[in-house]
mmCIF file of all heavy atoms, coordinates in Angstrom:
data_MODEL
# 
_entry.id   MODEL 
# 
loop_
_atom_site.group_PDB 
_atom_site.id 
_atom_site.type_symbol 
_atom_site.label_atom_id 
_atom_site.label_alt_id 
_atom_site.label_comp_id 
_atom_site.label_asym_id 
_atom_site.label_entity_id 
_atom_site.label_seq_id 
_atom_site.pdbx_PDB_ins_code 
_atom_site.Cartn_x 
_atom_site.Cartn_y 
_atom_site.Cartn_z 
_atom_site.occupancy 
_atom_site.B_iso_or_equiv 
_atom_site.pdbx_formal_charge 
_atom_site.auth_seq_id 
_atom_site.auth_comp_id 
_atom_site.auth_asym_id 
_atom_site.auth_atom_id 
_atom_site.pdbx_PDB_model_num 
ATOM 1   N N   . GLN A 1 1  ? 90.661  110.146 81.348  1.00 0.00 ? 1  GLN A N   1 
ATOM 2   C CA  . GLN A 1 1  ? 90.539  109.200 82.462  1.00 0.00 ? 1  GLN A CA  1 
ATOM 3   C C   . GLN A 1 1  ? 91.657  108.162 82.314  1.00 0.00 ? 1  GLN A C   1 
ATOM 4   O O   . GLN A 1 1  ? 91.727  107.457 81.311  1.00 0.00 ? 1  GLN A O   1 
ATOM 5   C CB  . GLN A 1 1  ? 89.173  108.507 82.435  1.00 0.00 ? 1  GLN A CB  1 
ATOM 6   C CG  . GLN A 1 1  ? 88.991  107.489 83.554  1.00 0.00 ? 1  GLN A CG  1 
ATOM 7   C CD  . GLN A 1 1  ? 87.990  106.398 83.183  1.00 0.00 ? 1  GLN A CD  1 
ATOM 8   O OE1 . GLN A 1 1  ? 88.042  105.845 82.083  1.00 0.00 ? 1  GLN A OE1 1 
ATOM 9   N NE2 . GLN A 1 1  ? 87.070  106.102 84.082  1.00 0.00 ? 1  GLN A NE2 1 
ATOM 10  N N   . VAL A 1 2  ? 92.532  108.115 83.303  1.00 0.00 ? 2  VAL A N   1 
ATOM 11  C CA  . VAL A 1 2  ? 93.636  107.155 83.307  1.00 0.00 ? 2  VAL A CA  1 
ATOM 12  C C   . VAL A 1 2  ? 93.353  106.082 84.352  1.00 0.00 ? 2  VAL A C   1 
ATOM 13  O O   . VAL A 1 2  ? 93.148  106.386 85.534  1.00 0.00 ? 2  VAL A O   1 
ATOM 14  C CB  . VAL A 1 2  ? 94.981  107.846 83.614  1.00 0.00 ? 2  VAL A CB  1 
ATOM 15  C CG1 . VAL A 1 2  ? 96.087  106.813 83.828  1.00 0.00 ? 2  VAL A CG1 1 
ATOM 16  C CG2 . VAL A 1 2  ? 95.364  108.780 82.461  1.00 0.00 ? 2  VAL A CG2 1 
ATOM 17  N N   . GLU A 1 3  ? 93.309  104.837 83.899  1.00 0.00 ? 3  GLU A N   1 
ATOM 18  C CA  . GLU A 1 3  ? 93.079  103.712 84.812  1.00 0.00 ? 3  GLU A CA  1 
ATOM 19  C C   . GLU A 1 3  ? 94.424  103.192 85.313  1.00 0.00 ? 3  GLU A C   1 
ATOM 20  O O   . GLU A 1 3  ? 95.238  102.688 84.531  1.00 0.00 ? 3  GLU A O   1 
ATOM 21  C CB  . GLU A 1 3  ? 92.309  102.602 84.101  1.00 0.00 ? 3  GLU A CB  1 
ATOM 22  C CG  . GLU A 1 3  ? 90.887  103.002 83.751  1.00 0.00 ? 3  GLU A CG  1 
ATOM 23  C CD  . GLU A 1 3  ? 90.077  101.877 83.148  1.00 0.00 ? 3  GLU A CD  1 
ATOM 24  O OE1 . GLU A 1 3  ? 90.668  101.039 82.426  1.00 0.00 ? 3  GLU A OE1 1 
ATOM 25  O OE2 . GLU A 1 3  ? 88.868  101.827 83.390  1.00 0.00 ? 3  GLU A OE2 1 
ATOM 26  N N   . ILE A 1 4  ? 94.650  103.314 86.600  1.00 0.00 ? 4  ILE A N   1 
ATOM 27  C CA  . ILE A 1 4  ? 95.907  102.880 87.205  1.00 0.00 ? 4  ILE A CA  1 
ATOM 28  C C   . ILE A 1 4  ? 95.871  101.369 87.414  1.00 0.00 ? 4  ILE A C   1 
ATOM 29  O O   . ILE A 1 4  ? 94.972  100.837 88.072  1.00 0.00 ? 4  ILE A O   1 
ATOM 30  C CB  . ILE A 1 4  ? 96.150  103.597 88.539  1.00 0.00 ? 4  ILE A CB  1 
ATOM 31  C CG1 . ILE A 1 4  ? 96.299  105.107 88.300  1.00 0.00 ? 4  ILE A CG1 1 
ATOM 32  C CG2 . ILE A 1 4  ? 97.367  103.034 89.247  1.00 0.00 ? 4  ILE A CG2 1 
ATOM 33  C CD1 . ILE A 1 4  ? 96.475  105.916 89.569  1.00 0.00 ? 4  ILE A CD1 1 
ATOM 34  N N   . CYS A 1 5  ? 96.839  100.686 86.823  1.00 0.00 ? 5  CYS A N   1 
ATOM 35  C CA  . CYS A 1 5  ? 96.965  99.222  86.935  1.00 0.00 ? 5  CYS A CA  1 
ATOM 36  C C   . CYS A 1 5  ? 95.599  98.546  86.728  1.00 0.00 ? 5  CYS A C   1 
ATOM 37  O O   . CYS A 1 5  ? 95.057  97.933  87.659  1.00 0.00 ? 5  CYS A O   1 
ATOM 38  C CB  . CYS A 1 5  ? 97.560  98.831  88.282  1.00 0.00 ? 5  CYS A CB  1 
ATOM 39  S SG  . CYS A 1 5  ? 99.193  99.522  88.606  1.00 0.00 ? 5  CYS A SG  1 
ATOM 40  N N   . PRO A 1 6  ? 95.020  98.660  85.533  1.00 0.00 ? 6  PRO A N   1 
ATOM 41  C CA  . PRO A 1 6  ? 93.651  98.188  85.310  1.00 0.00 ? 6  PRO A CA  1 
ATOM 42  C C   . PRO A 1 6  ? 93.434  96.703  85.534  1.00 0.00 ? 6  PRO A C   1 
ATOM 43  O O   . PRO A 1 6  ? 92.306  96.284  85.790  1.00 0.00 ? 6  PRO A O   1 
ATOM 44  C CB  . PRO A 1 6  ? 93.379  98.568  83.847  1.00 0.00 ? 6  PRO A CB  1 
ATOM 45  C CG  . PRO A 1 6  ? 94.722  98.758  83.229  1.00 0.00 ? 6  PRO A CG  1 
ATOM 46  C CD  . PRO A 1 6  ? 95.609  99.266  84.325  1.00 0.00 ? 6  PRO A CD  1 
ATOM 47  N N   . SER A 1 7  ? 94.493  95.900  85.465  1.00 0.00 ? 7  SER A N   1 
ATOM 48  C CA  . SER A 1 7  ? 94.322  94.451  85.652  1.00 0.00 ? 7  SER A CA  1 
ATOM 49  C C   . SER A 1 7  ? 94.534  94.014  87.092  1.00 0.00 ? 7  SER A C   1 
ATOM 50  O O   . SER A 1 7  ? 94.412  92.825  87.403  1.00 0.00 ? 7  SER A O   1 
ATOM 51  C CB  . SER A 1 7  ? 95.291  93.688  84.742  1.00 0.00 ? 7  SER A CB  1 
ATOM 52  O OG  . SER A 1 7  ? 96.631  94.016  85.068  1.00 0.00 ? 7  SER A OG  1 
ATOM 53  N N   . LEU A 1 8  ? 94.838  94.959  87.980  1.00 0.00 ? 8  LEU A N   1 
ATOM 54  C CA  . LEU A 1 8  ? 95.129  94.622  89.375  1.00 0.00 ? 8  LEU A CA  1 
ATOM 55  C C   . LEU A 1 8  ? 94.070  95.176  90.311  1.00 0.00 ? 8  LEU A C   1 
ATOM 56  O O   . LEU A 1 8  ? 93.526  96.254  90.086  1.00 0.00 ? 8  LEU A O   1 
ATOM 57  C CB  . LEU A 1 8  ? 96.500  95.174  89.777  1.00 0.00 ? 8  LEU A CB  1 
ATOM 58  C CG  . LEU A 1 8  ? 97.698  94.688  88.960  1.00 0.00 ? 8  LEU A CG  1 
ATOM 59  C CD1 . LEU A 1 8  ? 98.971  95.361  89.443  1.00 0.00 ? 8  LEU A CD1 1 
ATOM 60  C CD2 . LEU A 1 8  ? 97.841  93.177  89.045  1.00 0.00 ? 8  LEU A CD2 1 
ATOM 61  N N   . GLU A 1 9  ? 93.777  94.444  91.383  1.00 0.00 ? 9  GLU A N   1 
ATOM 62  C CA  . GLU A 1 9  ? 92.780  94.875  92.344  1.00 0.00 ? 9  GLU A CA  1 
ATOM 63  C C   . GLU A 1 9  ? 93.321  95.926  93.312  1.00 0.00 ? 9  GLU A C   1 
ATOM 64  O O   . GLU A 1 9  ? 92.551  96.669  93.904  1.00 0.00 ? 9  GLU A O   1 
ATOM 65  C CB  . GLU A 1 9  ? 92.254  93.672  93.136  1.00 0.00 ? 9  GLU A CB  1 
ATOM 66  C CG  . GLU A 1 9  ? 91.454  92.686  92.289  1.00 0.00 ? 9  GLU A CG  1 
ATOM 67  C CD  . GLU A 1 9  ? 90.878  91.557  93.109  1.00 0.00 ? 9  GLU A CD  1 
ATOM 68  O OE1 . GLU A 1 9  ? 91.116  91.538  94.348  1.00 0.00 ? 9  GLU A OE1 1 
ATOM 69  O OE2 . GLU A 1 9  ? 90.191  90.695  92.536  1.00 0.00 ? 9  GLU A OE2 1 
ATOM 70  N N   . ASP A 1 10 ? 94.637  95.955  93.493  1.00 0.00 ? 10 ASP A N   1 
ATOM 71  C CA  . ASP A 1 10 ? 95.213  96.912  94.436  1.00 0.00 ? 10 ASP A CA  1 
ATOM 72  C C   . ASP A 1 10 ? 96.495  97.492  93.860  1.00 0.00 ? 10 ASP A C   1 
ATOM 73  O O   . ASP A 1 10 ? 97.568  97.401  94.462  1.00 0.00 ? 10 ASP A O   1 
ATOM 74  C CB  . ASP A 1 10 ? 95.467  96.240  95.789  1.00 0.00 ? 10 ASP A CB  1 
ATOM 75  C CG  . ASP A 1 10 ? 95.696  97.263  96.885  1.00 0.00 ? 10 ASP A CG  1 
ATOM 76  O OD1 . ASP A 1 10 ? 95.550  98.471  96.609  1.00 0.00 ? 10 ASP A OD1 1 
ATOM 77  O OD2 . ASP A 1 10 ? 96.026  96.869  98.011  1.00 0.00 ? 10 ASP A OD2 1 
ATOM 78  N N   . GLY A 1 11 ? 96.374  98.095  92.659  1.00 0.00 ? 11 GLY A N   1 
ATOM 79  C CA  . GLY A 1 11 ? 97.550  98.626  91.995  1.00 0.00 ? 11 GLY A CA  1 
ATOM 80  C C   . GLY A 1 11 ? 98.223  99.757  92.730  1.00 0.00 ? 11 GLY A C   1 
ATOM 81  O O   . GLY A 1 11 ? 99.434  99.963  92.583  1.00 0.00 ? 11 GLY A O   1 
ATOM 82  N N   . TRP A 1 12 ? 97.455  100.505 93.549  1.00 0.00 ? 12 TRP A N   1 
ATOM 83  C CA  . TRP A 1 12 ? 98.054  101.625 94.268  1.00 0.00 ? 12 TRP A CA  1 
ATOM 84  C C   . TRP A 1 12 ? 99.210  101.164 95.149  1.00 0.00 ? 12 TRP A C   1 
ATOM 85  O O   . TRP A 1 12 ? 100.240 101.825 95.235  1.00 0.00 ? 12 TRP A O   1 
ATOM 86  C CB  . TRP A 1 12 ? 97.011  102.354 95.110  1.00 0.00 ? 12 TRP A CB  1 
ATOM 87  C CG  . TRP A 1 12 ? 97.624  103.397 95.995  1.00 0.00 ? 12 TRP A CG  1 
ATOM 88  C CD1 . TRP A 1 12 ? 97.763  103.371 97.358  1.00 0.00 ? 12 TRP A CD1 1 
ATOM 89  C CD2 . TRP A 1 12 ? 98.242  104.621 95.573  1.00 0.00 ? 12 TRP A CD2 1 
ATOM 90  N NE1 . TRP A 1 12 ? 98.404  104.495 97.812  1.00 0.00 ? 12 TRP A NE1 1 
ATOM 91  C CE2 . TRP A 1 12 ? 98.712  105.280 96.729  1.00 0.00 ? 12 TRP A CE2 1 
ATOM 92  C CE3 . TRP A 1 12 ? 98.433  105.222 94.317  1.00 0.00 ? 12 TRP A CE3 1 
ATOM 93  C CZ2 . TRP A 1 12 ? 99.363  106.508 96.670  1.00 0.00 ? 12 TRP A CZ2 1 
ATOM 94  C CZ3 . TRP A 1 12 ? 99.081  106.447 94.268  1.00 0.00 ? 12 TRP A CZ3 1 
ATOM 95  C CH2 . TRP A 1 12 ? 99.539  107.075 95.422  1.00 0.00 ? 12 TRP A CH2 1 
ATOM 96  N N   . ARG A 1 13 ? 99.072  100.044 95.811  1.00 0.00 ? 13 ARG A N   1 
ATOM 97  C CA  . ARG A 1 13 ? 100.119 99.564  96.726  1.00 0.00 ? 13 ARG A CA  1 
ATOM 98  C C   . ARG A 1 13 ? 101.375 99.143  95.975  1.00 0.00 ? 13 ARG A C   1 
ATOM 99  O O   . ARG A 1 13 ? 102.438 99.003  96.572  1.00 0.00 ? 13 ARG A O   1 
ATOM 100 C CB  . ARG A 1 13 ? 99.584  98.424  97.594  1.00 0.00 ? 13 ARG A CB  1 
ATOM 101 C CG  . ARG A 1 13 ? 98.404  98.864  98.445  1.00 0.00 ? 13 ARG A CG  1 
ATOM 102 C CD  . ARG A 1 13 ? 98.010  97.869  99.505  1.00 0.00 ? 13 ARG A CD  1 
ATOM 103 N NE  . ARG A 1 13 ? 96.844  98.356  100.212 1.00 0.00 ? 13 ARG A NE  1 
ATOM 104 C CZ  . ARG A 1 13 ? 96.889  99.241  101.207 1.00 0.00 ? 13 ARG A CZ  1 
ATOM 105 N NH1 . ARG A 1 13 ? 98.046  99.720  101.600 1.00 0.00 ? 13 ARG A NH1 1 
ATOM 106 N NH2 . ARG A 1 13 ? 95.775  99.633  101.812 1.00 0.00 ? 13 ARG A NH2 1 
ATOM 107 N N   . ILE A 1 14 ? 101.241 98.952  94.667  1.00 0.00 ? 14 ILE A N   1 
ATOM 108 C CA  . ILE A 1 14 ? 102.403 98.608  93.855  1.00 0.00 ? 14 ILE A CA  1 
ATOM 109 C C   . ILE A 1 14 ? 103.098 99.864  93.335  1.00 0.00 ? 14 ILE A C   1 
ATOM 110 O O   . ILE A 1 14 ? 104.324 99.970  93.374  1.00 0.00 ? 14 ILE A O   1 
ATOM 111 C CB  . ILE A 1 14 ? 101.987 97.702  92.677  1.00 0.00 ? 14 ILE A CB  1 
ATOM 112 C CG1 . ILE A 1 14 ? 101.520 96.345  93.203  1.00 0.00 ? 14 ILE A CG1 1 
ATOM 113 C CG2 . ILE A 1 14 ? 103.139 97.518  91.685  1.00 0.00 ? 14 ILE A CG2 1 
ATOM 114 C CD1 . ILE A 1 14 ? 100.971 95.429  92.139  1.00 0.00 ? 14 ILE A CD1 1 
ATOM 115 N N   . ILE A 1 15 ? 102.322 100.848 92.895  1.00 0.00 ? 15 ILE A N   1 
ATOM 116 C CA  . ILE A 1 15 ? 102.933 102.017 92.258  1.00 0.00 ? 15 ILE A CA  1 
ATOM 117 C C   . ILE A 1 15 ? 103.198 103.176 93.221  1.00 0.00 ? 15 ILE A C   1 
ATOM 118 O O   . ILE A 1 15 ? 103.832 104.154 92.839  1.00 0.00 ? 15 ILE A O   1 
ATOM 119 C CB  . ILE A 1 15 ? 102.068 102.524 91.078  1.00 0.00 ? 15 ILE A CB  1 
ATOM 120 C CG1 . ILE A 1 15 ? 100.725 103.032 91.585  1.00 0.00 ? 15 ILE A CG1 1 
ATOM 121 C CG2 . ILE A 1 15 ? 101.887 101.462 90.034  1.00 0.00 ? 15 ILE A CG2 1 
ATOM 122 C CD1 . ILE A 1 15 ? 100.345 104.358 91.035  1.00 0.00 ? 15 ILE A CD1 1 
ATOM 123 N N   . ARG A 1 16 ? 102.734 103.067 94.469  1.00 0.00 ? 16 ARG A N   1 
ATOM 124 C CA  . ARG A 1 16 ? 102.908 104.202 95.383  1.00 0.00 ? 16 ARG A CA  1 
ATOM 125 C C   . ARG A 1 16 ? 104.357 104.409 95.781  1.00 0.00 ? 16 ARG A C   1 
ATOM 126 O O   . ARG A 1 16 ? 104.778 105.523 96.106  1.00 0.00 ? 16 ARG A O   1 
ATOM 127 C CB  . ARG A 1 16 ? 102.061 104.002 96.639  1.00 0.00 ? 16 ARG A CB  1 
ATOM 128 C CG  . ARG A 1 16 ? 102.475 102.822 97.504  1.00 0.00 ? 16 ARG A CG  1 
ATOM 129 C CD  . ARG A 1 16 ? 101.580 102.661 98.698  1.00 0.00 ? 16 ARG A CD  1 
ATOM 130 N NE  . ARG A 1 16 ? 101.976 101.502 99.497  1.00 0.00 ? 16 ARG A NE  1 
ATOM 131 C CZ  . ARG A 1 16 ? 101.340 101.109 100.596 1.00 0.00 ? 16 ARG A CZ  1 
ATOM 132 N NH1 . ARG A 1 16 ? 100.271 101.786 101.016 1.00 0.00 ? 16 ARG A NH1 1 
ATOM 133 N NH2 . ARG A 1 16 ? 101.758 100.051 101.263 1.00 0.00 ? 16 ARG A NH2 1 
ATOM 134 N N   . ASP A 1 17 ? 105.139 103.340 95.778  1.00 0.00 ? 17 ASP A N   1 
ATOM 135 C CA  . ASP A 1 17 ? 106.550 103.444 96.158  1.00 0.00 ? 17 ASP A CA  1 
ATOM 136 C C   . ASP A 1 17 ? 107.403 103.778 94.943  1.00 0.00 ? 17 ASP A C   1 
ATOM 137 O O   . ASP A 1 17 ? 107.150 103.311 93.838  1.00 0.00 ? 17 ASP A O   1 
ATOM 138 C CB  . ASP A 1 17 ? 107.033 102.132 96.786  1.00 0.00 ? 17 ASP A CB  1 
ATOM 139 C CG  . ASP A 1 17 ? 106.279 101.791 98.064  1.00 0.00 ? 17 ASP A CG  1 
ATOM 140 O OD1 . ASP A 1 17 ? 105.986 102.741 98.832  1.00 0.00 ? 17 ASP A OD1 1 
ATOM 141 O OD2 . ASP A 1 17 ? 105.975 100.602 98.282  1.00 0.00 ? 17 ASP A OD2 1 
ATOM 142 N N   . ALA A 1 18 ? 108.417 104.584 95.173  1.00 0.00 ? 18 ALA A N   1 
ATOM 143 C CA  . ALA A 1 18 ? 109.301 105.021 94.087  1.00 0.00 ? 18 ALA A CA  1 
ATOM 144 C C   . ALA A 1 18 ? 109.987 103.829 93.427  1.00 0.00 ? 18 ALA A C   1 
ATOM 145 O O   . ALA A 1 18 ? 110.416 102.890 94.091  1.00 0.00 ? 18 ALA A O   1 
ATOM 146 C CB  . ALA A 1 18 ? 110.336 105.996 94.620  1.00 0.00 ? 18 ALA A CB  1 
ATOM 147 N N   . SER A 1 19 ? 110.066 103.879 92.087  1.00 0.00 ? 19 SER A N   1 
ATOM 148 C CA  . SER A 1 19 ? 110.726 102.823 91.326  1.00 0.00 ? 19 SER A CA  1 
ATOM 149 C C   . SER A 1 19 ? 111.533 103.451 90.202  1.00 0.00 ? 19 SER A C   1 
ATOM 150 O O   . SER A 1 19 ? 111.025 104.303 89.471  1.00 0.00 ? 19 SER A O   1 
ATOM 151 C CB  . SER A 1 19 ? 109.691 101.846 90.753  1.00 0.00 ? 19 SER A CB  1 
ATOM 152 O OG  . SER A 1 19 ? 110.289 100.920 89.868  1.00 0.00 ? 19 SER A OG  1 
ATOM 153 N N   . GLU A 1 20 ? 112.772 103.028 90.066  1.00 0.00 ? 20 GLU A N   1 
ATOM 154 C CA  . GLU A 1 20 ? 113.628 103.570 89.009  1.00 0.00 ? 20 GLU A CA  1 
ATOM 155 C C   . GLU A 1 20 ? 113.284 103.007 87.641  1.00 0.00 ? 20 GLU A C   1 
ATOM 156 O O   . GLU A 1 20 ? 113.452 103.668 86.620  1.00 0.00 ? 20 GLU A O   1 
ATOM 157 C CB  . GLU A 1 20 ? 115.100 103.261 89.327  1.00 0.00 ? 20 GLU A CB  1 
ATOM 158 C CG  . GLU A 1 20 ? 115.651 104.023 90.526  1.00 0.00 ? 20 GLU A CG  1 
ATOM 159 C CD  . GLU A 1 20 ? 115.644 105.532 90.297  1.00 0.00 ? 20 GLU A CD  1 
ATOM 160 O OE1 . GLU A 1 20 ? 115.850 105.952 89.144  1.00 0.00 ? 20 GLU A OE1 1 
ATOM 161 O OE2 . GLU A 1 20 ? 115.420 106.282 91.271  1.00 0.00 ? 20 GLU A OE2 1 
ATOM 162 N N   . ASN A 1 21 ? 112.773 101.768 87.613  1.00 0.00 ? 21 ASN A N   1 
ATOM 163 C CA  . ASN A 1 21 ? 112.591 101.076 86.341  1.00 0.00 ? 21 ASN A CA  1 
ATOM 164 C C   . ASN A 1 21 ? 111.140 100.903 85.918  1.00 0.00 ? 21 ASN A C   1 
ATOM 165 O O   . ASN A 1 21 ? 110.877 100.519 84.775  1.00 0.00 ? 21 ASN A O   1 
ATOM 166 C CB  . ASN A 1 21 ? 113.256 99.692  86.410  1.00 0.00 ? 21 ASN A CB  1 
ATOM 167 C CG  . ASN A 1 21 ? 114.738 99.797  86.709  1.00 0.00 ? 21 ASN A CG  1 
ATOM 168 O OD1 . ASN A 1 21 ? 115.434 100.622 86.136  1.00 0.00 ? 21 ASN A OD1 1 
ATOM 169 N ND2 . ASN A 1 21 ? 115.217 98.950  87.622  1.00 0.00 ? 21 ASN A ND2 1 
ATOM 170 N N   . GLU A 1 22 ? 110.182 101.167 86.818  1.00 0.00 ? 22 GLU A N   1 
ATOM 171 C CA  . GLU A 1 22 ? 108.785 100.962 86.494  1.00 0.00 ? 22 GLU A CA  1 
ATOM 172 C C   . GLU A 1 22 ? 107.968 102.196 86.854  1.00 0.00 ? 22 GLU A C   1 
ATOM 173 O O   . GLU A 1 22 ? 108.425 103.064 87.594  1.00 0.00 ? 22 GLU A O   1 
ATOM 174 C CB  . GLU A 1 22 ? 108.244 99.718  87.216  1.00 0.00 ? 22 GLU A CB  1 
ATOM 175 C CG  . GLU A 1 22 ? 108.922 98.425  86.764  1.00 0.00 ? 22 GLU A CG  1 
ATOM 176 C CD  . GLU A 1 22 ? 108.264 97.199  87.368  1.00 0.00 ? 22 GLU A CD  1 
ATOM 177 O OE1 . GLU A 1 22 ? 107.700 97.318  88.475  1.00 0.00 ? 22 GLU A OE1 1 
ATOM 178 O OE2 . GLU A 1 22 ? 108.309 96.136  86.740  1.00 0.00 ? 22 GLU A OE2 1 
ATOM 179 N N   . LEU A 1 23 ? 106.768 102.249 86.337  1.00 0.00 ? 23 LEU A N   1 
ATOM 180 C CA  . LEU A 1 23 ? 105.869 103.373 86.598  1.00 0.00 ? 23 LEU A CA  1 
ATOM 181 C C   . LEU A 1 23 ? 105.556 103.464 88.089  1.00 0.00 ? 23 LEU A C   1 
ATOM 182 O O   . LEU A 1 23 ? 105.288 102.449 88.739  1.00 0.00 ? 23 LEU A O   1 
ATOM 183 C CB  . LEU A 1 23 ? 104.574 103.163 85.811  1.00 0.00 ? 23 LEU A CB  1 
ATOM 184 C CG  . LEU A 1 23 ? 103.585 104.327 85.785  1.00 0.00 ? 23 LEU A CG  1 
ATOM 185 C CD1 . LEU A 1 23 ? 104.082 105.425 84.851  1.00 0.00 ? 23 LEU A CD1 1 
ATOM 186 C CD2 . LEU A 1 23 ? 102.211 103.843 85.333  1.00 0.00 ? 23 LEU A CD2 1 
ATOM 187 N N   . ASP A 1 24 ? 105.594 104.666 88.619  1.00 0.00 ? 24 ASP A N   1 
ATOM 188 C CA  . ASP A 1 24 ? 105.218 104.854 90.014  1.00 0.00 ? 24 ASP A CA  1 
ATOM 189 C C   . ASP A 1 24 ? 104.365 106.110 90.164  1.00 0.00 ? 24 ASP A C   1 
ATOM 190 O O   . ASP A 1 24 ? 104.091 106.819 89.186  1.00 0.00 ? 24 ASP A O   1 
ATOM 191 C CB  . ASP A 1 24 ? 106.446 104.898 90.933  1.00 0.00 ? 24 ASP A CB  1 
ATOM 192 C CG  . ASP A 1 24 ? 107.416 106.027 90.609  1.00 0.00 ? 24 ASP A CG  1 
ATOM 193 O OD1 . ASP A 1 24 ? 106.965 107.062 90.083  1.00 0.00 ? 24 ASP A OD1 1 
ATOM 194 O OD2 . ASP A 1 24 ? 108.622 105.891 90.882  1.00 0.00 ? 24 ASP A OD2 1 
ATOM 195 N N   . ALA A 1 25 ? 103.922 106.365 91.376  1.00 0.00 ? 25 ALA A N   1 
ATOM 196 C CA  . ALA A 1 25 ? 103.019 107.491 91.627  1.00 0.00 ? 25 ALA A CA  1 
ATOM 197 C C   . ALA A 1 25 ? 103.659 108.821 91.261  1.00 0.00 ? 25 ALA A C   1 
ATOM 198 O O   . ALA A 1 25 ? 102.973 109.738 90.801  1.00 0.00 ? 25 ALA A O   1 
ATOM 199 C CB  . ALA A 1 25 ? 102.587 107.489 93.090  1.00 0.00 ? 25 ALA A CB  1 
ATOM 200 N N   . ARG A 1 26 ? 104.970 108.947 91.445  1.00 0.00 ? 26 ARG A N   1 
ATOM 201 C CA  . ARG A 1 26 ? 105.645 110.199 91.079  1.00 0.00 ? 26 ARG A CA  1 
ATOM 202 C C   . ARG A 1 26 ? 105.536 110.461 89.585  1.00 0.00 ? 26 ARG A C   1 
ATOM 203 O O   . ARG A 1 26 ? 105.343 111.609 89.160  1.00 0.00 ? 26 ARG A O   1 
ATOM 204 C CB  . ARG A 1 26 ? 107.121 110.147 91.494  1.00 0.00 ? 26 ARG A CB  1 
ATOM 205 C CG  . ARG A 1 26 ? 107.379 110.118 92.981  1.00 0.00 ? 26 ARG A CG  1 
ATOM 206 C CD  . ARG A 1 26 ? 108.868 110.153 93.259  1.00 0.00 ? 26 ARG A CD  1 
ATOM 207 N NE  . ARG A 1 26 ? 109.566 109.097 92.510  1.00 0.00 ? 26 ARG A NE  1 
ATOM 208 C CZ  . ARG A 1 26 ? 110.889 108.946 92.472  1.00 0.00 ? 26 ARG A CZ  1 
ATOM 209 N NH1 . ARG A 1 26 ? 111.665 109.808 93.113  1.00 0.00 ? 26 ARG A NH1 1 
ATOM 210 N NH2 . ARG A 1 26 ? 111.435 107.962 91.799  1.00 0.00 ? 26 ARG A NH2 1 
ATOM 211 N N   . ASP A 1 27 ? 105.647 109.404 88.787  1.00 0.00 ? 27 ASP A N   1 
ATOM 212 C CA  . ASP A 1 27 ? 105.520 109.554 87.332  1.00 0.00 ? 27 ASP A CA  1 
ATOM 213 C C   . ASP A 1 27 ? 104.113 110.014 86.953  1.00 0.00 ? 27 ASP A C   1 
ATOM 214 O O   . ASP A 1 27 ? 103.937 110.907 86.107  1.00 0.00 ? 27 ASP A O   1 
ATOM 215 C CB  . ASP A 1 27 ? 105.813 108.218 86.633  1.00 0.00 ? 27 ASP A CB  1 
ATOM 216 C CG  . ASP A 1 27 ? 107.228 107.720 86.873  1.00 0.00 ? 27 ASP A CG  1 
ATOM 217 O OD1 . ASP A 1 27 ? 108.152 108.555 86.907  1.00 0.00 ? 27 ASP A OD1 1 
ATOM 218 O OD2 . ASP A 1 27 ? 107.393 106.497 87.037  1.00 0.00 ? 27 ASP A OD2 1 
ATOM 219 N N   . LEU A 1 28 ? 103.116 109.410 87.580  1.00 0.00 ? 28 LEU A N   1 
ATOM 220 C CA  . LEU A 1 28 ? 101.734 109.772 87.271  1.00 0.00 ? 28 LEU A CA  1 
ATOM 221 C C   . LEU A 1 28 ? 101.419 111.191 87.721  1.00 0.00 ? 28 LEU A C   1 
ATOM 222 O O   . LEU A 1 28 ? 100.718 111.930 87.027  1.00 0.00 ? 28 LEU A O   1 
ATOM 223 C CB  . LEU A 1 28 ? 100.779 108.775 87.939  1.00 0.00 ? 28 LEU A CB  1 
ATOM 224 C CG  . LEU A 1 28 ? 100.812 107.353 87.371  1.00 0.00 ? 28 LEU A CG  1 
ATOM 225 C CD1 . LEU A 1 28 ? 99.944  106.428 88.221  1.00 0.00 ? 28 LEU A CD1 1 
ATOM 226 C CD2 . LEU A 1 28 ? 100.326 107.340 85.916  1.00 0.00 ? 28 LEU A CD2 1 
# 
């Protein structure tokens, strides 16, 4: 079980967009 952005209430809206330097949905 992987918790996406466990400290954030809406982490999906942060990681859904592609990012070269940070974790994103493509990485997961």
